[in-house]
Amino acid sequence: MHHARVAQIEDLSVRRAGSRGKAEALPALSEAIVALGSALAFAFRAVGRRRQMRQDLLSMSDDQLRDVGMSRDEALRAAERIEWRGDWK
């Protein structure tokens, strides 16, 4: 009989710890959601900045491109890069 009572007590403590673990997990989950939202916002801003940079390169005159050290061909190649390839630095 003693072993059965010990098993009941251990089972009860495990159940209590499990419910406490769920309550402690909620703040961590909300922090993860906030971090994910922040990362997504950063990625969208980066995409917007790259798009604007490509548009700026295409709108520059040959003299302006020469001032920044690029030829027209280099500017066209840079403007045609695919964003998700990850070759932007």
N, C-alpha and C. Protein backbone atom coordinates (compact mmCIF):
# COMPACT_ATOMS: atom_id res chain seq x y z
N MET A 1 0.81 -1.19 0.00
CA MET A 1 0.00 0.00 0.00
C MET A 1 0.86 1.26 0.00
N HIS A 2 1.98 1.21 0.66
CA HIS A 2 2.87 2.36 0.75
C HIS A 2 3.33 2.82 -0.64
N HIS A 3 3.68 1.87 -1.51
CA HIS A 3 4.17 2.21 -2.84
C HIS A 3 3.09 2.87 -3.68
N ALA A 4 1.87 2.44 -3.53
CA ALA A 4 0.77 3.05 -4.27
C ALA A 4 0.56 4.50 -3.85
N ARG A 5 0.69 4.77 -2.56
CA ARG A 5 0.51 6.15 -2.08
C ARG A 5 1.65 7.05 -2.58
N VAL A 6 2.88 6.54 -2.61
CA VAL A 6 4.02 7.31 -3.13
C VAL A 6 3.80 7.62 -4.61
N ALA A 7 3.30 6.66 -5.37
CA ALA A 7 3.03 6.87 -6.79
C ALA A 7 1.97 7.94 -6.98
N GLN A 8 0.95 7.95 -6.12
CA GLN A 8 -0.09 8.98 -6.22
C GLN A 8 0.48 10.37 -5.94
N ILE A 9 1.32 10.47 -4.94
CA ILE A 9 1.92 11.76 -4.59
C ILE A 9 2.83 12.24 -5.72
N GLU A 10 3.63 11.33 -6.28
CA GLU A 10 4.51 11.70 -7.39
C GLU A 10 3.69 12.14 -8.60
N ASP A 11 2.60 11.42 -8.87
CA ASP A 11 1.74 11.78 -10.00
C ASP A 11 1.12 13.15 -9.80
N LEU A 12 0.71 13.45 -8.57
CA LEU A 12 0.11 14.74 -8.26
C LEU A 12 1.13 15.86 -8.44
N SER A 13 2.36 15.64 -7.99
CA SER A 13 3.39 16.68 -8.13
C SER A 13 3.75 16.91 -9.59
N VAL A 14 3.73 15.85 -10.40
CA VAL A 14 4.01 16.00 -11.83
C VAL A 14 2.91 16.81 -12.50
N ARG A 15 1.66 16.54 -12.15
CA ARG A 15 0.55 17.30 -12.73
C ARG A 15 0.63 18.78 -12.34
N ARG A 16 0.97 19.04 -11.08
CA ARG A 16 1.08 20.44 -10.64
C ARG A 16 2.22 21.14 -11.36
N ALA A 17 3.34 20.47 -11.51
CA ALA A 17 4.48 21.06 -12.20
C ALA A 17 4.14 21.30 -13.66
N GLY A 18 3.36 20.40 -14.26
CA GLY A 18 2.97 20.58 -15.66
C GLY A 18 2.13 21.81 -15.85
N SER A 19 1.20 22.08 -14.96
CA SER A 19 0.36 23.27 -15.10
C SER A 19 1.17 24.53 -14.84
N ARG A 20 2.12 24.44 -13.92
CA ARG A 20 2.99 25.58 -13.67
C ARG A 20 3.89 25.83 -14.88
N GLY A 21 4.32 24.76 -15.54
CA GLY A 21 5.16 24.90 -16.73
C GLY A 21 4.42 25.59 -17.87
N LYS A 22 3.13 25.31 -18.03
CA LYS A 22 2.35 25.96 -19.07
C LYS A 22 2.23 27.46 -18.80
N ALA A 23 2.01 27.82 -17.55
CA ALA A 23 1.88 29.24 -17.21
C ALA A 23 3.19 29.96 -17.44
N GLU A 24 4.31 29.30 -17.17
CA GLU A 24 5.61 29.92 -17.40
C GLU A 24 5.94 29.97 -18.89
N ALA A 25 5.37 29.09 -19.68
CA ALA A 25 5.65 29.06 -21.11
C ALA A 25 4.96 30.20 -21.85
N LEU A 26 3.85 30.72 -21.32
CA LEU A 26 3.13 31.77 -22.02
C LEU A 26 3.95 33.04 -22.22
N PRO A 27 4.67 33.55 -21.21
CA PRO A 27 5.51 34.73 -21.48
C PRO A 27 6.59 34.45 -22.52
N ALA A 28 7.17 33.26 -22.49
CA ALA A 28 8.20 32.93 -23.48
C ALA A 28 7.60 32.89 -24.88
N LEU A 29 6.39 32.38 -24.99
CA LEU A 29 5.72 32.33 -26.29
C LEU A 29 5.42 33.74 -26.79
N SER A 30 4.95 34.61 -25.92
CA SER A 30 4.66 35.98 -26.35
C SER A 30 5.93 36.71 -26.74
N GLU A 31 7.03 36.45 -26.03
CA GLU A 31 8.31 37.07 -26.40
C GLU A 31 8.77 36.56 -27.77
N ALA A 32 8.55 35.29 -28.04
CA ALA A 32 8.93 34.72 -29.33
C ALA A 32 8.10 35.33 -30.45
N ILE A 33 6.82 35.56 -30.20
CA ILE A 33 5.95 36.17 -31.21
C ILE A 33 6.39 37.60 -31.49
N VAL A 34 6.74 38.33 -30.44
CA VAL A 34 7.22 39.70 -30.62
C VAL A 34 8.53 39.71 -31.40
N ALA A 35 9.42 38.78 -31.08
CA ALA A 35 10.70 38.70 -31.79
C ALA A 35 10.47 38.34 -33.26
N LEU A 36 9.54 37.45 -33.53
CA LEU A 36 9.23 37.10 -34.92
C LEU A 36 8.67 38.30 -35.68
N GLY A 37 7.76 39.02 -35.04
CA GLY A 37 7.21 40.22 -35.67
C GLY A 37 8.28 41.25 -35.95
N SER A 38 9.21 41.41 -35.03
CA SER A 38 10.31 42.35 -35.23
C SER A 38 11.21 41.92 -36.39
N ALA A 39 11.50 40.63 -36.47
CA ALA A 39 12.33 40.11 -37.57
C ALA A 39 11.64 40.29 -38.91
N LEU A 40 10.33 40.05 -38.95
CA LEU A 40 9.59 40.24 -40.21
C LEU A 40 9.57 41.71 -40.62
N ALA A 41 9.39 42.60 -39.66
CA ALA A 41 9.39 44.04 -39.97
C ALA A 41 10.75 44.46 -40.51
N PHE A 42 11.83 43.93 -39.91
CA PHE A 42 13.18 44.25 -40.40
C PHE A 42 13.36 43.76 -41.82
N ALA A 43 12.89 42.55 -42.11
CA ALA A 43 13.04 41.98 -43.45
C ALA A 43 12.26 42.80 -44.47
N PHE A 44 11.05 43.22 -44.14
CA PHE A 44 10.26 44.03 -45.07
C PHE A 44 10.92 45.38 -45.32
N ARG A 45 11.49 45.98 -44.27
CA ARG A 45 12.19 47.26 -44.46
C ARG A 45 13.41 47.08 -45.36
N ALA A 46 14.13 45.96 -45.18
CA ALA A 46 15.30 45.69 -46.00
C ALA A 46 14.91 45.53 -47.47
N VAL A 47 13.81 44.84 -47.72
CA VAL A 47 13.33 44.67 -49.10
C VAL A 47 12.98 46.03 -49.70
N GLY A 48 12.33 46.87 -48.93
CA GLY A 48 11.98 48.21 -49.41
C GLY A 48 13.20 49.06 -49.70
N ARG A 49 14.21 48.97 -48.83
CA ARG A 49 15.45 49.74 -49.07
C ARG A 49 16.15 49.26 -50.32
N ARG A 50 16.19 47.96 -50.53
CA ARG A 50 16.85 47.43 -51.74
C ARG A 50 16.09 47.82 -53.00
N ARG A 51 14.77 47.80 -52.94
CA ARG A 51 13.98 48.21 -54.09
C ARG A 51 14.25 49.67 -54.43
N GLN A 52 14.30 50.50 -53.40
CA GLN A 52 14.56 51.92 -53.60
C GLN A 52 15.97 52.13 -54.17
N MET A 53 16.93 51.36 -53.70
CA MET A 53 18.30 51.49 -54.21
C MET A 53 18.36 51.11 -55.69
N ARG A 54 17.64 50.05 -56.07
CA ARG A 54 17.63 49.67 -57.49
C ARG A 54 17.00 50.76 -58.34
N GLN A 55 15.91 51.34 -57.85
CA GLN A 55 15.27 52.42 -58.59
C GLN A 55 16.18 53.63 -58.70
N ASP A 56 16.89 53.93 -57.63
CA ASP A 56 17.83 55.06 -57.66
C ASP A 56 18.96 54.82 -58.65
N LEU A 57 19.48 53.59 -58.70
CA LEU A 57 20.54 53.29 -59.65
C LEU A 57 20.06 53.47 -61.09
N LEU A 58 18.84 53.03 -61.36
CA LEU A 58 18.32 53.15 -62.72
C LEU A 58 18.04 54.60 -63.12
N SER A 59 17.77 55.45 -62.14
CA SER A 59 17.44 56.83 -62.46
C SER A 59 18.67 57.74 -62.54
N MET A 60 19.84 57.25 -62.19
CA MET A 60 21.05 58.08 -62.21
C MET A 60 21.56 58.28 -63.63
N SER A 61 22.15 59.44 -63.84
CA SER A 61 22.79 59.71 -65.14
C SER A 61 24.16 59.02 -65.17
N ASP A 62 24.76 58.98 -66.35
CA ASP A 62 26.08 58.36 -66.48
C ASP A 62 27.12 59.08 -65.64
N ASP A 63 27.02 60.40 -65.55
CA ASP A 63 27.96 61.17 -64.73
C ASP A 63 27.80 60.82 -63.24
N GLN A 64 26.56 60.69 -62.78
CA GLN A 64 26.33 60.33 -61.39
C GLN A 64 26.83 58.92 -61.09
N LEU A 65 26.60 58.01 -62.01
CA LEU A 65 27.10 56.65 -61.82
C LEU A 65 28.63 56.62 -61.76
N ARG A 66 29.25 57.41 -62.61
CA ARG A 66 30.72 57.49 -62.60
C ARG A 66 31.21 58.04 -61.26
N ASP A 67 30.46 58.99 -60.69
CA ASP A 67 30.83 59.56 -59.39
C ASP A 67 30.81 58.51 -58.28
N VAL A 68 29.91 57.56 -58.36
CA VAL A 68 29.86 56.51 -57.35
C VAL A 68 30.68 55.28 -57.75
N GLY A 69 31.37 55.36 -58.87
CA GLY A 69 32.28 54.30 -59.28
C GLY A 69 31.61 53.14 -59.99
N MET A 70 30.52 53.41 -60.72
CA MET A 70 29.82 52.35 -61.45
C MET A 70 29.64 52.74 -62.90
N SER A 71 29.58 51.74 -63.75
CA SER A 71 29.23 51.98 -65.14
C SER A 71 27.73 51.74 -65.29
N ARG A 72 27.19 52.09 -66.45
CA ARG A 72 25.77 51.86 -66.70
C ARG A 72 25.46 50.37 -66.66
N ASP A 73 26.36 49.54 -67.24
CA ASP A 73 26.15 48.09 -67.24
C ASP A 73 26.13 47.53 -65.82
N GLU A 74 27.05 47.99 -64.97
CA GLU A 74 27.07 47.51 -63.58
C GLU A 74 25.79 47.90 -62.85
N ALA A 75 25.31 49.11 -63.11
CA ALA A 75 24.07 49.56 -62.47
C ALA A 75 22.88 48.72 -62.94
N LEU A 76 22.84 48.39 -64.22
CA LEU A 76 21.75 47.56 -64.73
C LEU A 76 21.81 46.15 -64.14
N ARG A 77 23.01 45.58 -64.03
CA ARG A 77 23.15 44.26 -63.42
C ARG A 77 22.73 44.29 -61.95
N ALA A 78 23.13 45.34 -61.24
CA ALA A 78 22.76 45.46 -59.82
C ALA A 78 21.25 45.62 -59.67
N ALA A 79 20.62 46.35 -60.58
CA ALA A 79 19.17 46.57 -60.49
C ALA A 79 18.39 45.31 -60.83
N GLU A 80 19.00 44.40 -61.58
CA GLU A 80 18.30 43.17 -61.97
C GLU A 80 18.51 42.02 -61.00
N ARG A 81 19.27 42.23 -59.94
CA ARG A 81 19.52 41.16 -58.97
C ARG A 81 18.21 40.68 -58.36
N ILE A 82 18.18 39.41 -58.07
CA ILE A 82 17.01 38.81 -57.43
C ILE A 82 17.21 38.90 -55.92
N GLU A 83 16.25 39.52 -55.23
CA GLU A 83 16.41 39.80 -53.81
C GLU A 83 16.62 38.56 -52.97
N TRP A 84 15.89 37.51 -53.21
CA TRP A 84 15.92 36.37 -52.32
C TRP A 84 17.12 35.46 -52.55
N ARG A 85 17.97 35.79 -53.54
CA ARG A 85 19.17 34.98 -53.75
C ARG A 85 20.20 35.24 -52.67
N GLY A 86 20.12 36.38 -52.03
CA GLY A 86 21.03 36.68 -50.94
C GLY A 86 22.40 37.16 -51.38
N ASP A 87 22.54 37.65 -52.60
CA ASP A 87 23.85 38.12 -53.04
C ASP A 87 24.05 39.62 -52.77
N TRP A 88 23.15 40.23 -52.03
CA TRP A 88 23.31 41.63 -51.64
C TRP A 88 24.19 41.70 -50.41
N LYS A 89 25.06 42.66 -50.39
CA LYS A 89 25.95 42.79 -49.23
C LYS A 89 25.94 44.21 -48.73
